[in-house]
């Protein structure tokens, strides 16, 4: 697996978000306040990483 894939994320204000993030690299998530950056980073990607690994 060379990418972390999230499909159909539905947490807080994320609605059916699909994203692929390269492994072993620095990735930056940017956007306006309230756009779902923290929801994507912490509630979705981090939680899934803890569940799988």
PDB file of N, CA and C in Angstrom:
ATOM      1  N   UNK A   1       0.840  -1.183   0.000  1.00  0.00           N
ATOM      2  CA  UNK A   1       0.000   0.000   0.000  1.00  0.00           C
ATOM      3  C   UNK A   1       0.881   1.240   0.000  1.00  0.00           C
ATOM      4  N   UNK A   2       0.792   2.008  -1.063  1.00  0.00           N
ATOM      5  CA  UNK A   2       1.585   3.227  -1.126  1.00  0.00           C
ATOM      6  C   UNK A   2       0.762   4.477  -0.847  1.00  0.00           C
ATOM      7  N   UNK A   3      -0.555   4.299  -0.631  1.00  0.00           N
ATOM      8  CA  UNK A   3      -1.424   5.433  -0.324  1.00  0.00           C
ATOM      9  C   UNK A   3      -2.411   5.074   0.772  1.00  0.00           C
ATOM     10  N   UNK A   4      -2.797   6.073   1.528  1.00  0.00           N
ATOM     11  CA  UNK A   4      -3.883   5.929   2.496  1.00  0.00           C
ATOM     12  C   UNK A   4      -5.130   6.424   1.781  1.00  0.00           C
ATOM     13  N   UNK A   5      -6.121   5.558   1.656  1.00  0.00           N
ATOM     14  CA  UNK A   5      -7.344   5.921   0.938  1.00  0.00           C
ATOM     15  C   UNK A   5      -8.512   6.034   1.903  1.00  0.00           C
ATOM     16  N   UNK A   6      -9.225   7.115   1.789  1.00  0.00           N
ATOM     17  CA  UNK A   6     -10.449   7.325   2.558  1.00  0.00           C
ATOM     18  C   UNK A   6     -11.564   7.513   1.538  1.00  0.00           C
ATOM     19  N   UNK A   7     -12.633   6.748   1.687  1.00  0.00           N
ATOM     20  CA  UNK A   7     -13.759   6.887   0.770  1.00  0.00           C
ATOM     21  C   UNK A   7     -15.049   7.082   1.548  1.00  0.00           C
ATOM     22  N   UNK A   8     -15.872   7.928   1.027  1.00  0.00           N
ATOM     23  CA  UNK A   8     -17.204   8.195   1.588  1.00  0.00           C
ATOM     24  C   UNK A   8     -17.161   8.672   3.036  1.00  0.00           C
ATOM     25  N   UNK A   9     -16.170   9.482   3.396  1.00  0.00           N
ATOM     26  CA  UNK A   9     -16.062   9.994   4.769  1.00  0.00           C
ATOM     27  C   UNK A   9     -17.261  10.879   5.089  1.00  0.00           C
ATOM     28  N   UNK A  10     -17.892  10.591   6.227  1.00  0.00           N
ATOM     29  CA  UNK A  10     -19.074  11.353   6.664  1.00  0.00           C
ATOM     30  C   UNK A  10     -18.940  11.661   8.149  1.00  0.00           C
ATOM     31  N   UNK A  11     -18.043  12.568   8.483  1.00  0.00           N
ATOM     32  CA  UNK A  11     -17.824  12.972   9.871  1.00  0.00           C
ATOM     33  C   UNK A  11     -18.017  14.478   9.958  1.00  0.00           C
ATOM     34  N   UNK A  12     -18.818  14.930  10.883  1.00  0.00           N
ATOM     35  CA  UNK A  12     -19.104  16.359  11.081  1.00  0.00           C
ATOM     36  C   UNK A  12     -19.545  16.991   9.759  1.00  0.00           C
ATOM     37  N   UNK A  13     -18.769  17.913   9.209  1.00  0.00           N
ATOM     38  CA  UNK A  13     -19.201  18.557   7.976  1.00  0.00           C
ATOM     39  C   UNK A  13     -18.581  17.948   6.719  1.00  0.00           C
ATOM     40  N   UNK A  14     -18.015  16.753   6.821  1.00  0.00           N
ATOM     41  CA  UNK A  14     -17.547  16.037   5.635  1.00  0.00           C
ATOM     42  C   UNK A  14     -18.718  15.237   5.077  1.00  0.00           C
ATOM     43  N   UNK A  15     -18.940  15.354   3.798  1.00  0.00           N
ATOM     44  CA  UNK A  15     -20.056  14.655   3.174  1.00  0.00           C
ATOM     45  C   UNK A  15     -19.555  13.881   1.961  1.00  0.00           C
ATOM     46  N   UNK A  16     -19.416  12.565   2.111  1.00  0.00           N
ATOM     47  CA  UNK A  16     -18.972  11.676   1.030  1.00  0.00           C
ATOM     48  C   UNK A  16     -17.642  12.119   0.421  1.00  0.00           C
ATOM     49  N   UNK A  17     -16.653  12.385   1.267  1.00  0.00           N
ATOM     50  CA  UNK A  17     -15.333  12.821   0.811  1.00  0.00           C
ATOM     51  C   UNK A  17     -14.483  11.602   0.476  1.00  0.00           C
ATOM     52  N   UNK A  18     -13.840  11.628  -0.690  1.00  0.00           N
ATOM     53  CA  UNK A  18     -12.885  10.608  -1.108  1.00  0.00           C
ATOM     54  C   UNK A  18     -11.520  11.280  -1.235  1.00  0.00           C
ATOM     55  N   UNK A  19     -10.490  10.653  -0.663  1.00  0.00           N
ATOM     56  CA  UNK A  19      -9.146  11.233  -0.738  1.00  0.00           C
ATOM     57  C   UNK A  19      -8.108  10.113  -0.699  1.00  0.00           C
ATOM     58  N   UNK A  20      -6.999  10.304  -1.425  1.00  0.00           N
ATOM     59  CA  UNK A  20      -5.843   9.405  -1.385  1.00  0.00           C
ATOM     60  C   UNK A  20      -4.637  10.234  -0.968  1.00  0.00           C
ATOM     61  N   UNK A  21      -3.937   9.766   0.063  1.00  0.00           N
ATOM     62  CA  UNK A  21      -2.792  10.497   0.599  1.00  0.00           C
ATOM     63  C   UNK A  21      -1.569   9.591   0.521  1.00  0.00           C
ATOM     64  N   UNK A  22      -0.468  10.061  -0.088  1.00  0.00           N
ATOM     65  CA  UNK A  22       0.734   9.232  -0.187  1.00  0.00           C
ATOM     66  C   UNK A  22       1.306   8.904   1.188  1.00  0.00           C
ATOM     67  N   UNK A  23       1.758   7.672   1.363  1.00  0.00           N
ATOM     68  CA  UNK A  23       2.408   7.259   2.609  1.00  0.00           C
ATOM     69  C   UNK A  23       3.845   7.771   2.632  1.00  0.00           C
ATOM     70  N   UNK A  24       4.382   7.882   3.829  1.00  0.00           N
ATOM     71  CA  UNK A  24       5.791   8.247   4.036  1.00  0.00           C
ATOM     72  C   UNK A  24       6.144   9.594   3.408  1.00  0.00           C
ATOM     73  N   UNK A  25       5.201  10.527   3.436  1.00  0.00           N
ATOM     74  CA  UNK A  25       5.479  11.873   2.944  1.00  0.00           C
ATOM     75  C   UNK A  25       4.707  12.874   3.797  1.00  0.00           C
ATOM     76  N   UNK A  26       5.132  14.104   3.756  1.00  0.00           N
ATOM     77  CA  UNK A  26       4.455  15.168   4.486  1.00  0.00           C
ATOM     78  C   UNK A  26       3.299  15.676   3.634  1.00  0.00           C
ATOM     79  N   UNK A  27       2.108  15.668   4.198  1.00  0.00           N
ATOM     80  CA  UNK A  27       0.919  16.156   3.494  1.00  0.00           C
ATOM     81  C   UNK A  27       0.299  17.279   4.310  1.00  0.00           C
ATOM     82  N   UNK A  28      -0.069  18.350   3.649  1.00  0.00           N
ATOM     83  CA  UNK A  28      -0.665  19.506   4.304  1.00  0.00           C
ATOM     84  C   UNK A  28      -2.119  19.624   3.857  1.00  0.00           C
ATOM     85  N   UNK A  29      -3.001  19.826   4.830  1.00  0.00           N
ATOM     86  CA  UNK A  29      -4.419  20.022   4.536  1.00  0.00           C
ATOM     87  C   UNK A  29      -4.744  21.479   4.849  1.00  0.00           C
ATOM     88  N   UNK A  30      -5.201  22.229   3.853  1.00  0.00           N
ATOM     89  CA  UNK A  30      -5.517  23.643   4.053  1.00  0.00           C
ATOM     90  C   UNK A  30      -6.957  23.936   3.648  1.00  0.00           C
ATOM     91  N   UNK A  31      -7.471  25.031   4.144  1.00  0.00           N
ATOM     92  CA  UNK A  31      -8.817  25.467   3.784  1.00  0.00           C
ATOM     93  C   UNK A  31      -9.337  26.449   4.800  1.00  0.00           C
ATOM     94  N   UNK A  32     -10.480  27.046   4.502  1.00  0.00           N
ATOM     95  CA  UNK A  32     -11.046  28.037   5.422  1.00  0.00           C
ATOM     96  C   UNK A  32     -11.563  27.405   6.705  1.00  0.00           C
ATOM     97  N   UNK A  33     -11.767  28.237   7.700  1.00  0.00           N
ATOM     98  CA  UNK A  33     -12.299  27.781   8.981  1.00  0.00           C
ATOM     99  C   UNK A  33     -13.643  27.089   8.769  1.00  0.00           C
ATOM    100  N   UNK A  34     -13.792  25.917   9.384  1.00  0.00           N
ATOM    101  CA  UNK A  34     -15.050  25.182   9.287  1.00  0.00           C
ATOM    102  C   UNK A  34     -15.194  24.314   8.060  1.00  0.00           C
ATOM    103  N   UNK A  35     -14.116  24.161   7.279  1.00  0.00           N
ATOM    104  CA  UNK A  35     -14.220  23.395   6.034  1.00  0.00           C
ATOM    105  C   UNK A  35     -14.012  21.898   6.212  1.00  0.00           C
ATOM    106  N   UNK A  36     -13.619  21.457   7.421  1.00  0.00           N
ATOM    107  CA  UNK A  36     -13.476  20.026   7.673  1.00  0.00           C
ATOM    108  C   UNK A  36     -12.051  19.515   7.741  1.00  0.00           C
ATOM    109  N   UNK A  37     -11.083  20.402   7.826  1.00  0.00           N
ATOM    110  CA  UNK A  37      -9.677  19.976   7.889  1.00  0.00           C
ATOM    111  C   UNK A  37      -9.407  19.083   9.086  1.00  0.00           C
ATOM    112  N   UNK A  38      -9.804  19.529  10.260  1.00  0.00           N
ATOM    113  CA  UNK A  38      -9.572  18.743  11.480  1.00  0.00           C
ATOM    114  C   UNK A  38     -10.388  17.463  11.470  1.00  0.00           C
ATOM    115  N   UNK A  39     -11.598  17.526  10.960  1.00  0.00           N
ATOM    116  CA  UNK A  39     -12.428  16.319  10.867  1.00  0.00           C
ATOM    117  C   UNK A  39     -11.752  15.287   9.986  1.00  0.00           C
ATOM    118  N   UNK A  40     -11.187  15.725   8.868  1.00  0.00           N
ATOM    119  CA  UNK A  40     -10.496  14.805   7.971  1.00  0.00           C
ATOM    120  C   UNK A  40      -9.233  14.267   8.625  1.00  0.00           C
ATOM    121  N   UNK A  41      -8.418  15.147   9.205  1.00  0.00           N
ATOM    122  CA  UNK A  41      -7.130  14.735   9.758  1.00  0.00           C
ATOM    123  C   UNK A  41      -7.260  13.879  11.007  1.00  0.00           C
ATOM    124  N   UNK A  42      -8.073  14.282  11.949  1.00  0.00           N
ATOM    125  CA  UNK A  42      -8.128  13.598  13.239  1.00  0.00           C
ATOM    126  C   UNK A  42      -9.247  12.574  13.331  1.00  0.00           C
ATOM    127  N   UNK A  43     -10.448  12.967  12.975  1.00  0.00           N
ATOM    128  CA  UNK A  43     -11.598  12.084  13.154  1.00  0.00           C
ATOM    129  C   UNK A  43     -11.641  10.967  12.126  1.00  0.00           C
ATOM    130  N   UNK A  44     -11.041  11.158  10.969  1.00  0.00           N
ATOM    131  CA  UNK A  44     -11.127  10.160   9.904  1.00  0.00           C
ATOM    132  C   UNK A  44      -9.803   9.424   9.704  1.00  0.00           C
ATOM    133  N   UNK A  45      -8.768  10.127   9.275  1.00  0.00           N
ATOM    134  CA  UNK A  45      -7.498   9.475   8.932  1.00  0.00           C
ATOM    135  C   UNK A  45      -6.809   8.905  10.166  1.00  0.00           C
ATOM    136  N   UNK A  46      -6.660   9.683  11.220  1.00  0.00           N
ATOM    137  CA  UNK A  46      -5.994   9.199  12.432  1.00  0.00           C
ATOM    138  C   UNK A  46      -6.760   8.030  13.045  1.00  0.00           C
ATOM    139  N   UNK A  47      -8.073   8.160  13.156  1.00  0.00           N
ATOM    140  CA  UNK A  47      -8.885   7.090  13.750  1.00  0.00           C
ATOM    141  C   UNK A  47      -8.793   5.808  12.932  1.00  0.00           C
ATOM    142  N   UNK A  48      -8.779   5.925  11.629  1.00  0.00           N
ATOM    143  CA  UNK A  48      -8.678   4.735  10.774  1.00  0.00           C
ATOM    144  C   UNK A  48      -7.304   4.097  10.916  1.00  0.00           C
ATOM    145  N   UNK A  49      -6.261   4.915  11.029  1.00  0.00           N
ATOM    146  CA  UNK A  49      -4.920   4.374  11.237  1.00  0.00           C
ATOM    147  C   UNK A  49      -4.816   3.614  12.545  1.00  0.00           C
ATOM    148  N   UNK A  50      -5.435   4.101  13.586  1.00  0.00           N
ATOM    149  CA  UNK A  50      -5.424   3.409  14.878  1.00  0.00           C
ATOM    150  C   UNK A  50      -6.200   2.100  14.805  1.00  0.00           C
ATOM    151  N   UNK A  51      -7.272   2.086  14.063  1.00  0.00           N
ATOM    152  CA  UNK A  51      -8.103   0.891  13.938  1.00  0.00           C
ATOM    153  C   UNK A  51      -7.390  -0.199  13.138  1.00  0.00           C
ATOM    154  N   UNK A  52      -6.734   0.171  12.062  1.00  0.00           N
ATOM    155  CA  UNK A  52      -6.112  -0.812  11.170  1.00  0.00           C
ATOM    156  C   UNK A  52      -4.727  -1.251  11.628  1.00  0.00           C
ATOM    157  N   UNK A  53      -3.949  -0.345  12.234  1.00  0.00           N
ATOM    158  CA  UNK A  53      -2.551  -0.653  12.524  1.00  0.00           C
ATOM    159  C   UNK A  53      -2.331  -0.566  13.996  1.00  0.00           C
TER     160      UNK A  53
END
